[in-house]
Amino acid sequence: MKSAVAPSAGSPLVELVGVARYFDVSPPWLNRLVEHKPRVLLKAVDGVTLSIAQGETLGLVGESGCGKSTVARLIVGLYRPTRGEIRYAGKRIDANGASRSARREMQMIFQDPYASLNPRWRVADIVAEPLLAAPDHQRPARREIEARVGALLEQVGLVRGDGSKFPHQFSGGQRQRISIARALAGKPRFLVCDEPTSALDVSVQAQVLNLMHRLQRELGLTLLFISHNLAVVHHIADRVGVMYLGRIVEVAPTKTLFADPQHPYTRMLLAAVPDLALTGKARTAVTGEVPNPLDPPRGCAFHPRCPHANERCHREVPLLKPVRRAQASSGEAACHAVEEGRIGLSVVTPGDRSSDIPSV
C-alpha cells in the first residue's frame, strides 16, 4: 500500500539538515556546585539529515529511545533544534519568525488516542479546534465549521451524530479516527504519524492504515510514518529511514531495504522478524542493548553490538553515504564496513525478506 501520489522530482517538501536536539538533564545547580558534578546533556537527536518529497511516505524505524519521536516533535515545532536547519517547501521553519502558515500545513497524529483527546470535550469541539484557532480573517462561520466537522467525521468512517459524544464512548480505533479527523481539519499538506497504530489490535490497525492510504490518495498528503512495526512500515512506506541512538544509519526505498539491507543494525532488525515461511535460513539474533544515551560510545555508536567493527569504528563517526547494492546504487548507509566493502552482499536475495513480513 504505497503512495498513489508520485513523489515530486523537484525540491523536497520537508528537509532536515544536520538537525540535533540536546536536553540538559544535569543535577540542580547547587548540587553541581557542592558535589563538583559537570553538566549532563542527553543527545536525543544528533545530526539527522532527511528529506521527504511531496506525496511520499517516509517510514522511520528503530528501537525505543533512538530519537524517532523527538524528530517528529522537532519538525512540527514542539521542540526547537539545538542546531541544524528544518525547511518546509524550501523555507526555514526552525528559526525565529518562521511562517505560521507553514506550521498550519503540518499536523501530527499522536501514538495514544486515549491521551491525545481531551476527555472533557465533545468530539465536535475536538475536531473543530484547529478551525477555531485560525486567524480571524480565515476563521469560517459557525455553520461552516459545523458542516466541516460533520464532513470530516464521515470522511474517517464515523457519522455526524458522533460529534455530540465524548471520547470515552469510543473504541481505540474510533478514537484514532477522531485524531485523524482533527489533524485533517486544517487542510494540511504534511502529516507526522507517531506510532498511530501501536495501541490498536491487528484488525483495527489494517482499517486505520487503509483509511490513511485512502486519505493520502484523495488529498495528496505527504507522510512521515514512525513505527516499531516493520510489517506496518513495509505495508505503507515508499522509503524507510533507520535510526540508532539519535542518528540515521540507513535510508533506502522500502523494497530495496527489506530485500537487501546494508547496515549491520538494519540486518539485525530484519533478522528478528519471525520466519513465517519456515525457510530454515540462519538468522542472527539482535544482541546487546542500546548504550546509555548519556554516555554514548566513541566513534560509531553501534560498534559495541556490531560483528564487523574494527579500530576505525571505535574512533570515527561514520557519515551517511550512498551505497552500491547487488542490483544498483540505491540508498545511503552510515557504516565504515559498508563503505570499505568489508560486509558482503546480504544473505537474502531481493524479494525473500519481504515475504517474511506478515501482512497487516
Protein backbone atom coordinates (compact mmCIF):
# COMPACT_ATOMS: atom_id res chain seq x y z
CA MET A 1 0.00 0.00 0.00
CA LYS A 2 2.37 2.69 -1.20
CA SER A 3 1.57 6.29 -2.04
CA ALA A 4 -0.69 6.86 -5.00
CA VAL A 5 0.82 10.32 -5.49
CA ALA A 6 4.17 10.18 -7.25
CA PRO A 7 6.90 11.99 -5.28
CA SER A 8 7.96 15.25 -6.84
CA ALA A 9 11.24 15.29 -8.71
CA GLY A 10 11.93 18.86 -7.56
CA SER A 11 12.82 20.22 -4.14
CA PRO A 12 11.68 18.15 -1.14
CA LEU A 13 8.62 19.30 0.76
CA VAL A 14 10.31 18.69 4.15
CA GLU A 15 14.04 18.72 4.71
CA LEU A 16 16.21 18.31 7.81
CA VAL A 17 19.87 19.31 7.56
CA GLY A 18 22.19 18.30 10.41
CA VAL A 19 19.42 18.64 12.99
CA ALA A 20 20.29 17.97 16.62
CA ARG A 21 18.35 18.29 19.87
CA TYR A 22 20.08 18.10 23.25
CA PHE A 23 18.32 18.05 26.62
CA ASP A 24 20.03 19.32 29.77
CA VAL A 25 19.48 16.59 32.39
CA SER A 26 22.09 17.90 34.83
CA PRO A 27 21.52 17.85 38.59
CA PRO A 28 20.37 21.17 40.10
CA TRP A 29 22.93 23.96 40.07
CA LEU A 30 23.57 23.80 43.83
CA ASN A 31 24.18 20.05 43.71
CA ARG A 32 26.67 20.52 40.88
CA LEU A 33 28.44 23.23 42.84
CA VAL A 34 28.67 21.29 46.12
CA GLU A 35 29.35 17.86 44.63
CA HIS A 36 31.53 19.17 41.77
CA LYS A 37 29.48 17.43 39.13
CA PRO A 38 29.58 18.52 35.48
CA ARG A 39 26.59 19.37 33.31
CA VAL A 40 24.98 16.36 31.62
CA LEU A 41 23.48 16.57 28.13
CA LEU A 42 21.19 13.95 26.61
CA LYS A 43 21.75 13.91 22.83
CA ALA A 44 18.30 12.69 21.79
CA VAL A 45 18.89 13.63 18.14
CA ASP A 46 22.44 14.16 16.93
CA GLY A 47 22.88 15.35 13.36
CA VAL A 48 19.88 13.99 11.41
CA THR A 49 19.67 14.78 7.69
CA LEU A 50 16.48 13.70 5.89
CA SER A 51 14.28 14.80 3.00
CA ILE A 52 10.67 13.91 2.20
CA ALA A 53 9.26 14.53 -1.28
CA GLN A 54 5.76 15.79 -1.99
CA GLY A 55 3.29 12.87 -1.90
CA GLU A 56 5.81 10.44 -0.39
CA THR A 57 5.50 8.30 2.74
CA LEU A 58 8.78 8.03 4.64
CA GLY A 59 8.86 5.34 7.32
CA LEU A 60 11.11 5.89 10.34
CA VAL A 61 12.06 2.83 12.41
CA GLY A 62 14.39 1.95 15.26
CA GLU A 63 14.46 0.68 18.83
CA SER A 64 12.83 2.60 21.67
CA GLY A 65 14.84 5.63 22.72
CA CYS A 66 16.57 6.14 19.36
CA GLY A 67 15.03 9.59 18.82
CA LYS A 68 12.19 8.95 16.37
CA SER A 69 9.53 10.83 18.32
CA THR A 70 11.95 13.69 19.02
CA VAL A 71 12.45 14.09 15.27
CA ALA A 72 8.68 14.26 14.84
CA ARG A 73 8.32 16.93 17.50
CA LEU A 74 11.18 18.94 16.03
CA ILE A 75 9.51 19.01 12.62
CA VAL A 76 6.14 20.24 13.89
CA GLY A 77 7.72 22.81 16.20
CA LEU A 78 7.04 21.26 19.62
CA TYR A 79 10.83 21.31 20.18
CA ARG A 80 13.41 23.79 18.91
CA PRO A 81 16.57 22.24 17.45
CA THR A 82 19.86 22.76 19.26
CA ARG A 83 21.49 23.09 15.88
CA GLY A 84 20.73 22.42 12.23
CA GLU A 85 18.01 23.57 9.86
CA ILE A 86 14.45 22.40 9.19
CA ARG A 87 12.90 23.52 5.90
CA TYR A 88 9.35 23.27 4.63
CA ALA A 89 8.69 23.96 0.95
CA GLY A 90 12.18 25.46 0.74
CA LYS A 91 11.76 27.88 3.67
CA ARG A 92 13.30 27.56 7.12
CA ILE A 93 10.76 26.92 9.86
CA ASP A 94 13.10 26.37 12.82
CA ALA A 95 14.25 29.98 13.17
CA ASN A 96 12.55 32.88 14.93
CA GLY A 97 9.77 34.37 12.85
CA ALA A 98 9.08 31.13 10.99
CA SER A 99 5.98 31.23 8.84
CA ARG A 100 2.84 30.36 10.82
CA SER A 101 1.08 29.44 7.59
CA ALA A 102 3.71 26.73 7.04
CA ARG A 103 3.10 25.40 10.54
CA ARG A 104 -0.63 25.21 9.86
CA GLU A 105 0.08 22.97 6.87
CA MET A 106 1.77 20.44 9.20
CA GLN A 107 -0.21 18.30 11.64
CA MET A 108 0.63 15.42 13.95
CA ILE A 109 -1.22 12.23 14.88
CA PHE A 110 -0.05 11.04 18.28
CA GLN A 111 0.58 7.49 19.42
CA ASP A 112 -2.02 7.17 22.16
CA PRO A 113 -5.58 8.08 21.17
CA TYR A 114 -6.61 7.74 24.82
CA ALA A 115 -4.24 10.53 25.91
CA SER A 116 -4.32 12.85 22.88
CA LEU A 117 -8.04 13.67 23.09
CA ASN A 118 -9.45 15.94 25.79
CA PRO A 119 -11.88 13.75 27.81
CA ARG A 120 -13.94 16.81 28.83
CA TRP A 121 -14.66 17.94 25.27
CA ARG A 122 -17.22 16.59 22.86
CA VAL A 123 -15.86 15.15 19.64
CA ALA A 124 -17.25 18.01 17.56
CA ASP A 125 -15.32 20.54 19.67
CA ILE A 126 -12.12 18.48 19.44
CA VAL A 127 -12.27 18.27 15.64
CA ALA A 128 -13.25 21.94 15.31
CA GLU A 129 -10.35 23.21 17.46
CA PRO A 130 -7.89 23.77 14.55
CA LEU A 131 -10.57 25.71 12.68
CA LEU A 132 -11.28 27.97 15.67
CA ALA A 133 -7.54 28.55 16.16
CA ALA A 134 -7.17 30.03 12.68
CA PRO A 135 -6.64 33.83 12.31
CA ASP A 136 -9.82 35.91 12.44
CA HIS A 137 -9.84 36.63 8.71
CA GLN A 138 -9.52 32.90 7.91
CA ARG A 139 -11.90 31.54 10.53
CA PRO A 140 -15.06 30.05 8.99
CA ALA A 141 -18.53 30.94 10.19
CA ARG A 142 -20.11 28.72 12.84
CA ARG A 143 -22.36 26.95 10.34
CA GLU A 144 -19.41 26.27 8.04
CA ILE A 145 -17.45 24.83 10.97
CA GLU A 146 -20.31 22.51 11.90
CA ALA A 147 -20.63 21.34 8.28
CA ARG A 148 -16.86 20.85 8.02
CA VAL A 149 -16.73 18.80 11.26
CA GLY A 150 -19.59 16.56 10.09
CA ALA A 151 -17.88 16.01 6.72
CA LEU A 152 -14.58 15.15 8.42
CA LEU A 153 -16.22 12.60 10.71
CA GLU A 154 -17.83 10.91 7.71
CA GLN A 155 -14.53 11.06 5.82
CA VAL A 156 -12.80 9.00 8.53
CA GLY A 157 -15.60 6.43 8.76
CA LEU A 158 -17.72 7.84 11.59
CA VAL A 159 -21.14 9.51 11.46
CA ARG A 160 -22.13 13.12 12.06
CA GLY A 161 -24.01 12.21 15.22
CA ASP A 162 -20.76 11.07 16.83
CA GLY A 163 -19.81 14.72 17.23
CA SER A 164 -22.09 15.03 20.27
CA LYS A 165 -20.34 12.19 22.14
CA PHE A 166 -17.28 12.19 24.40
CA PRO A 167 -14.02 10.29 23.65
CA HIS A 168 -14.64 7.64 26.34
CA GLN A 169 -17.68 6.44 24.38
CA PHE A 170 -15.50 5.18 21.51
CA SER A 171 -13.17 2.24 20.95
CA GLY A 172 -9.43 2.69 20.42
CA GLY A 173 -9.71 2.52 16.64
CA GLN A 174 -12.56 5.03 16.62
CA ARG A 175 -10.58 7.40 18.82
CA GLN A 176 -7.67 7.23 16.39
CA ARG A 177 -10.10 8.09 13.58
CA ILE A 178 -11.14 11.14 15.61
CA SER A 179 -7.46 12.09 15.95
CA ILE A 180 -7.07 11.80 12.18
CA ALA A 181 -10.18 13.95 11.63
CA ARG A 182 -8.75 16.63 13.93
CA ALA A 183 -5.43 16.55 12.07
CA LEU A 184 -7.22 16.97 8.72
CA ALA A 185 -9.40 19.86 9.91
CA GLY A 186 -6.84 22.49 8.97
CA LYS A 187 -6.34 21.02 5.47
CA PRO A 188 -2.67 20.10 5.98
CA ARG A 189 -0.23 19.06 3.28
CA PHE A 190 2.08 17.15 5.62
CA LEU A 191 1.17 14.68 8.40
CA VAL A 192 3.51 13.34 11.06
CA CYS A 193 2.19 9.99 12.30
CA ASP A 194 3.91 8.95 15.53
CA GLU A 195 3.09 5.26 16.11
CA PRO A 196 -0.56 5.83 15.13
CA THR A 197 -1.47 2.12 15.19
CA SER A 198 0.70 0.72 18.01
CA ALA A 199 -2.11 0.85 20.58
CA LEU A 200 -4.57 -0.97 18.29
CA ASP A 201 -5.14 -4.65 17.58
CA VAL A 202 -4.17 -6.03 14.18
CA SER A 203 -7.61 -5.89 12.56
CA VAL A 204 -8.10 -2.26 13.61
CA GLN A 205 -4.55 -1.44 12.50
CA ALA A 206 -5.47 -2.56 9.00
CA GLN A 207 -8.59 -0.38 9.00
CA VAL A 208 -6.68 2.72 10.12
CA LEU A 209 -3.84 2.11 7.65
CA ASN A 210 -6.27 1.65 4.78
CA LEU A 211 -8.03 4.85 5.85
CA MET A 212 -4.77 6.79 5.86
CA HIS A 213 -3.82 5.42 2.46
CA ARG A 214 -7.19 6.45 1.03
CA LEU A 215 -6.94 9.95 2.51
CA GLN A 216 -3.41 10.33 1.21
CA ARG A 217 -4.58 9.39 -2.28
CA GLU A 218 -7.60 11.71 -2.16
CA LEU A 219 -5.92 14.70 -0.51
CA GLY A 220 -2.37 14.42 -1.87
CA LEU A 221 -0.82 14.20 1.61
CA THR A 222 2.84 13.70 2.46
CA LEU A 223 3.53 11.43 5.46
CA LEU A 224 6.28 10.82 7.98
CA PHE A 225 5.26 7.47 9.47
CA ILE A 226 7.02 6.41 12.69
CA SER A 227 6.63 2.82 13.86
CA HIS A 228 8.29 -0.09 15.65
CA ASN A 229 6.29 -2.50 13.50
CA LEU A 230 8.27 -3.50 10.41
CA ALA A 231 5.18 -5.12 8.89
CA VAL A 232 3.32 -1.81 9.02
CA VAL A 233 6.27 0.11 7.58
CA HIS A 234 6.68 -2.43 4.78
CA HIS A 235 2.98 -2.04 4.04
CA ILE A 236 2.73 1.74 3.88
CA ALA A 237 6.12 3.41 3.27
CA ASP A 238 7.78 4.38 -0.02
CA ARG A 239 11.17 4.81 1.66
CA VAL A 240 12.47 3.79 5.08
CA GLY A 241 14.92 5.53 7.39
CA VAL A 242 16.56 3.50 10.19
CA MET A 243 17.60 5.35 13.37
CA TYR A 244 20.02 4.29 16.05
CA LEU A 245 20.91 6.37 19.11
CA GLY A 246 19.93 9.72 17.60
CA ARG A 247 21.36 9.19 14.11
CA ILE A 248 20.13 7.92 10.77
CA VAL A 249 22.15 4.82 9.89
CA GLU A 250 20.42 3.79 6.64
CA VAL A 251 17.87 5.19 4.17
CA ALA A 252 16.58 3.31 1.13
CA PRO A 253 13.42 2.55 -0.87
CA THR A 254 11.26 0.11 1.06
CA LYS A 255 11.60 -2.88 -1.28
CA THR A 256 15.36 -2.35 -1.55
CA LEU A 257 15.91 -2.06 2.18
CA PHE A 258 13.84 -5.15 3.08
CA ALA A 259 15.38 -7.26 0.30
CA ASP A 260 19.00 -6.13 0.60
CA PRO A 261 19.78 -4.34 3.90
CA GLN A 262 23.30 -2.94 4.17
CA HIS A 263 23.88 -1.58 7.66
CA PRO A 264 24.50 -4.29 10.30
CA TYR A 265 21.82 -2.77 12.55
CA THR A 266 19.22 -2.91 9.77
CA ARG A 267 20.14 -6.56 9.20
CA MET A 268 19.73 -7.31 12.89
CA LEU A 269 16.29 -5.70 12.95
CA LEU A 270 15.13 -7.71 9.93
CA ALA A 271 16.66 -10.92 11.28
CA ALA A 272 14.41 -10.55 14.33
CA VAL A 273 11.27 -10.77 12.17
CA PRO A 274 9.62 -14.21 12.54
CA ASP A 275 10.28 -16.54 9.60
CA LEU A 276 6.66 -17.32 8.72
CA ALA A 277 7.66 -19.15 5.55
CA LEU A 278 9.74 -21.63 7.62
CA THR A 279 12.64 -21.39 5.17
CA GLY A 280 15.15 -22.66 7.73
CA LYS A 281 17.60 -19.86 6.90
CA ALA A 282 20.18 -18.98 9.50
CA ARG A 283 19.10 -15.94 11.48
CA THR A 284 21.19 -13.64 13.64
CA ALA A 285 19.52 -12.62 16.89
CA VAL A 286 19.66 -8.99 18.00
CA THR A 287 22.41 -8.99 20.61
CA GLY A 288 23.30 -6.50 23.32
CA GLU A 289 21.38 -3.42 24.40
CA VAL A 290 21.22 0.18 23.26
CA PRO A 291 24.05 2.07 25.01
CA ASN A 292 23.31 4.70 27.62
CA PRO A 293 22.48 7.86 25.62
CA LEU A 294 24.02 9.95 28.43
CA ASP A 295 27.36 8.25 27.76
CA PRO A 296 27.34 7.01 24.15
CA PRO A 297 30.31 5.08 22.74
CA ARG A 298 33.00 6.95 20.83
CA GLY A 299 33.07 6.58 17.07
CA CYS A 300 30.21 4.55 15.65
CA ALA A 301 27.53 4.20 18.34
CA PHE A 302 26.68 0.70 17.09
CA HIS A 303 30.19 -0.73 17.33
CA PRO A 304 29.71 -2.47 20.76
CA ARG A 305 26.99 -4.65 19.14
CA CYS A 306 28.45 -4.93 15.63
CA PRO A 307 30.23 -8.13 14.49
CA HIS A 308 32.06 -6.15 11.76
CA ALA A 309 33.53 -3.37 13.93
CA ASN A 310 37.25 -2.59 13.68
CA GLU A 311 39.55 0.08 15.08
CA ARG A 312 38.20 2.78 12.78
CA CYS A 313 34.67 2.12 14.02
CA HIS A 314 35.85 2.71 17.61
CA ARG A 315 37.25 6.17 16.92
CA GLU A 316 35.49 7.70 13.87
CA VAL A 317 31.81 8.55 13.47
CA PRO A 318 30.56 7.21 10.08
CA LEU A 319 28.78 9.57 7.70
CA LEU A 320 25.68 8.79 5.67
CA LYS A 321 26.96 7.95 2.17
CA PRO A 322 25.49 6.36 -0.98
CA VAL A 323 25.92 2.59 -1.16
CA ARG A 324 26.00 0.20 -4.11
CA ARG A 325 23.77 -2.82 -3.74
CA ALA A 326 23.61 -6.01 -5.75
CA GLN A 327 21.18 -4.51 -8.27
CA ALA A 328 22.17 -0.85 -8.45
CA SER A 329 23.32 2.15 -6.49
CA SER A 330 20.40 2.90 -4.21
CA GLY A 331 20.05 4.40 -0.75
CA GLU A 332 22.55 5.56 1.84
CA ALA A 333 24.20 3.99 4.87
CA ALA A 334 26.41 5.30 7.68
CA CYS A 335 28.83 2.40 8.15
CA HIS A 336 32.59 2.09 7.72
CA ALA A 337 32.31 -1.63 6.98
CA VAL A 338 29.84 -0.98 4.14
CA GLU A 339 31.98 1.86 2.78
CA GLU A 340 35.14 -0.29 2.82
CA GLY A 341 33.42 -3.37 1.38
CA ARG A 342 34.06 -5.47 4.49
CA ILE A 343 30.41 -6.58 4.52
CA GLY A 344 29.41 -8.85 1.67
CA LEU A 345 26.09 -8.78 -0.13
CA SER A 346 23.06 -9.51 2.00
CA VAL A 347 22.36 -13.16 2.74
CA VAL A 348 18.84 -12.78 1.32
CA THR A 349 18.02 -12.32 -2.31
CA PRO A 350 15.73 -9.49 -3.41
CA GLY A 351 12.16 -10.38 -2.54
CA ASP A 352 12.96 -13.06 0.04
CA ARG A 353 12.99 -10.85 3.12
CA SER A 354 9.78 -9.03 2.28
CA SER A 355 7.96 -12.37 2.07
CA ASP A 356 8.78 -12.91 5.77
CA ILE A 357 7.00 -9.70 6.76
CA PRO A 358 3.43 -10.53 7.83
CA SER A 359 0.65 -8.63 6.11
CA VAL A 360 -1.42 -6.15 8.07
